[in-house]
Protein backbone atom coordinates (compact mmCIF):
# COMPACT_ATOMS: atom_id res chain seq x y z
CA UNK A 1 53.79 -1.71 17.20
CA UNK A 2 50.94 -0.94 14.84
CA UNK A 3 49.63 2.57 14.37
CA UNK A 4 45.92 3.28 14.62
CA UNK A 5 43.95 2.65 11.44
CA UNK A 6 41.70 5.67 11.61
CA UNK A 7 41.28 8.60 13.95
CA UNK A 8 37.58 8.77 14.78
CA UNK A 9 35.27 9.48 17.74
CA UNK A 10 36.18 6.20 19.46
CA UNK A 11 39.89 6.99 19.63
CA UNK A 12 39.75 10.40 21.19
CA UNK A 13 37.84 10.68 24.47
CA UNK A 14 38.63 13.82 26.48
CA UNK A 15 41.73 13.38 28.61
CA UNK A 16 40.23 15.46 31.42
CA UNK A 17 36.77 15.47 32.94
CA UNK A 18 36.58 11.78 33.76
CA UNK A 19 39.17 9.02 34.13
CA UNK A 20 40.10 7.14 30.98
CA UNK A 21 39.65 3.41 30.91
CA UNK A 22 42.67 1.33 29.95
CA UNK A 23 41.21 0.80 26.47
CA UNK A 24 40.47 4.51 26.00
CA UNK A 25 44.01 5.41 27.08
CA UNK A 26 45.50 2.88 24.65
CA UNK A 27 43.36 4.14 21.73
CA UNK A 28 44.20 7.79 22.45
CA UNK A 29 47.91 6.97 22.73
CA UNK A 30 47.77 5.16 19.37
CA UNK A 31 46.07 8.17 17.78
CA UNK A 32 48.68 10.55 19.18
CA UNK A 33 51.52 8.31 17.92
CA UNK A 34 50.30 8.89 14.37
CA UNK A 35 51.01 12.61 14.57
CA UNK A 36 53.83 12.59 17.16
CA UNK A 37 56.63 12.16 14.65
CA UNK A 38 58.63 15.17 13.39
CA UNK A 39 58.37 14.33 9.67
CA UNK A 40 54.61 13.79 9.95
CA UNK A 41 54.14 17.03 11.85
CA UNK A 42 56.08 18.84 9.13
CA UNK A 43 54.04 17.15 6.39
CA UNK A 44 50.75 18.25 7.98
CA UNK A 45 52.14 21.76 8.39
CA UNK A 46 53.49 21.95 4.83
CA UNK A 47 50.29 20.65 3.27
CA UNK A 48 48.03 22.92 5.29
CA UNK A 49 50.17 25.96 4.42
CA UNK A 50 50.44 25.15 0.73
CA UNK A 51 48.63 27.09 -1.96
CA UNK A 52 45.17 25.63 -2.42
CA UNK A 53 45.59 23.52 0.72
CA UNK A 54 47.05 20.57 -1.17
CA UNK A 55 50.48 19.31 -2.13
CA UNK A 56 51.95 16.83 -4.54
CA UNK A 57 54.17 14.15 -3.06
CA UNK A 58 56.82 15.26 -5.58
CA UNK A 59 57.00 18.71 -3.92
CA UNK A 60 56.99 17.41 -0.35
CA UNK A 61 60.02 15.18 -0.84
CA UNK A 62 62.27 18.14 -1.66
CA UNK A 63 60.96 20.25 1.22
CA UNK A 64 61.63 17.57 3.83
CA UNK A 65 65.04 16.53 2.54
CA UNK A 66 63.95 12.89 2.91
CA UNK A 67 63.83 10.17 0.32
CA UNK A 68 60.64 9.57 -1.63
CA UNK A 69 59.98 6.13 -0.04
CA UNK A 70 60.23 7.64 3.46
CA UNK A 71 57.95 10.56 2.61
CA UNK A 72 55.47 8.17 0.98
CA UNK A 73 55.46 5.98 4.09
CA UNK A 74 54.68 8.94 6.37
CA UNK A 75 51.97 10.16 3.98
CA UNK A 76 50.41 6.68 3.97
CA UNK A 77 50.32 6.56 7.77
CA UNK A 78 48.63 9.98 7.87
CA UNK A 79 46.19 9.02 5.12
CA UNK A 80 45.34 5.67 6.76
CA UNK A 81 44.57 7.55 9.99
CA UNK A 82 42.24 9.87 8.10
CA UNK A 83 44.33 13.00 8.64
CA UNK A 84 45.10 13.33 4.92
CA UNK A 85 42.98 12.77 1.85
CA UNK A 86 44.88 11.29 -1.09
CA UNK A 87 43.95 11.89 -4.72
CA UNK A 88 45.82 10.25 -7.57
CA UNK A 89 46.29 12.44 -10.66
CA UNK A 90 48.22 10.74 -13.40
CA UNK A 91 51.38 9.38 -11.87
CA UNK A 92 51.39 11.74 -8.87
CA UNK A 93 49.44 11.69 -5.62
CA UNK A 94 48.11 14.92 -4.14
CA UNK A 95 47.29 15.29 -0.46
CA UNK A 96 45.07 17.65 1.50
CA UNK A 97 44.19 17.90 5.18
CA UNK A 98 41.01 16.36 6.54
CA UNK A 99 40.19 18.64 9.49
CA UNK A 100 37.98 16.34 11.59
CA UNK A 101 40.68 13.93 12.88
CA UNK A 102 42.87 16.87 13.95
CA UNK A 103 39.86 18.47 15.67
CA UNK A 104 39.22 15.20 17.51
CA UNK A 105 42.82 15.09 18.75
CA UNK A 106 42.68 18.76 19.76
CA UNK A 107 39.39 18.14 21.58
CA UNK A 108 40.83 15.19 23.48
CA UNK A 109 43.63 17.38 24.84
CA UNK A 110 41.61 20.57 25.45
CA UNK A 111 40.42 20.86 29.06
CA UNK A 112 37.61 23.16 27.94
CA UNK A 113 36.05 20.33 25.95
CA UNK A 114 35.77 18.02 28.95
CA UNK A 115 32.61 15.98 28.76
CA UNK A 116 32.10 12.58 30.34
CA UNK A 117 33.66 9.89 28.16
CA UNK A 118 32.17 6.48 27.38
CA UNK A 119 33.56 4.93 30.58
CA UNK A 120 31.94 7.62 32.75
CA UNK A 121 28.65 7.22 30.90
CA UNK A 122 28.69 3.46 31.40
CA UNK A 123 29.26 3.92 35.12
CA UNK A 124 26.23 6.19 35.40
CA UNK A 125 23.80 3.39 34.39
């Protein structure tokens, strides 16, 4: 099963307000799978709480008590989805949170943000 490439407007229609199409439901589920993993949740939390809002992969490995290849894999998944921004400095990679993808996921699950999704708009034509 392949994780979503990037979390953007097309992946995150509101869950409430109008019924999701099959495609919308699949895209939203793929987006949620990116973050619905304990190590990835911890990585997002650790990076967002770190001084300056960024962390070196070398520091994250020790904090998670996971091997460097495993941590790097999870960081790559989060970066590919757009949740993290990666910056290479010398031999180390530094990561910081990109807020928009997390806001899109939050908006998809927040009943207060219910607006008609693409499938409802298509039906109104």
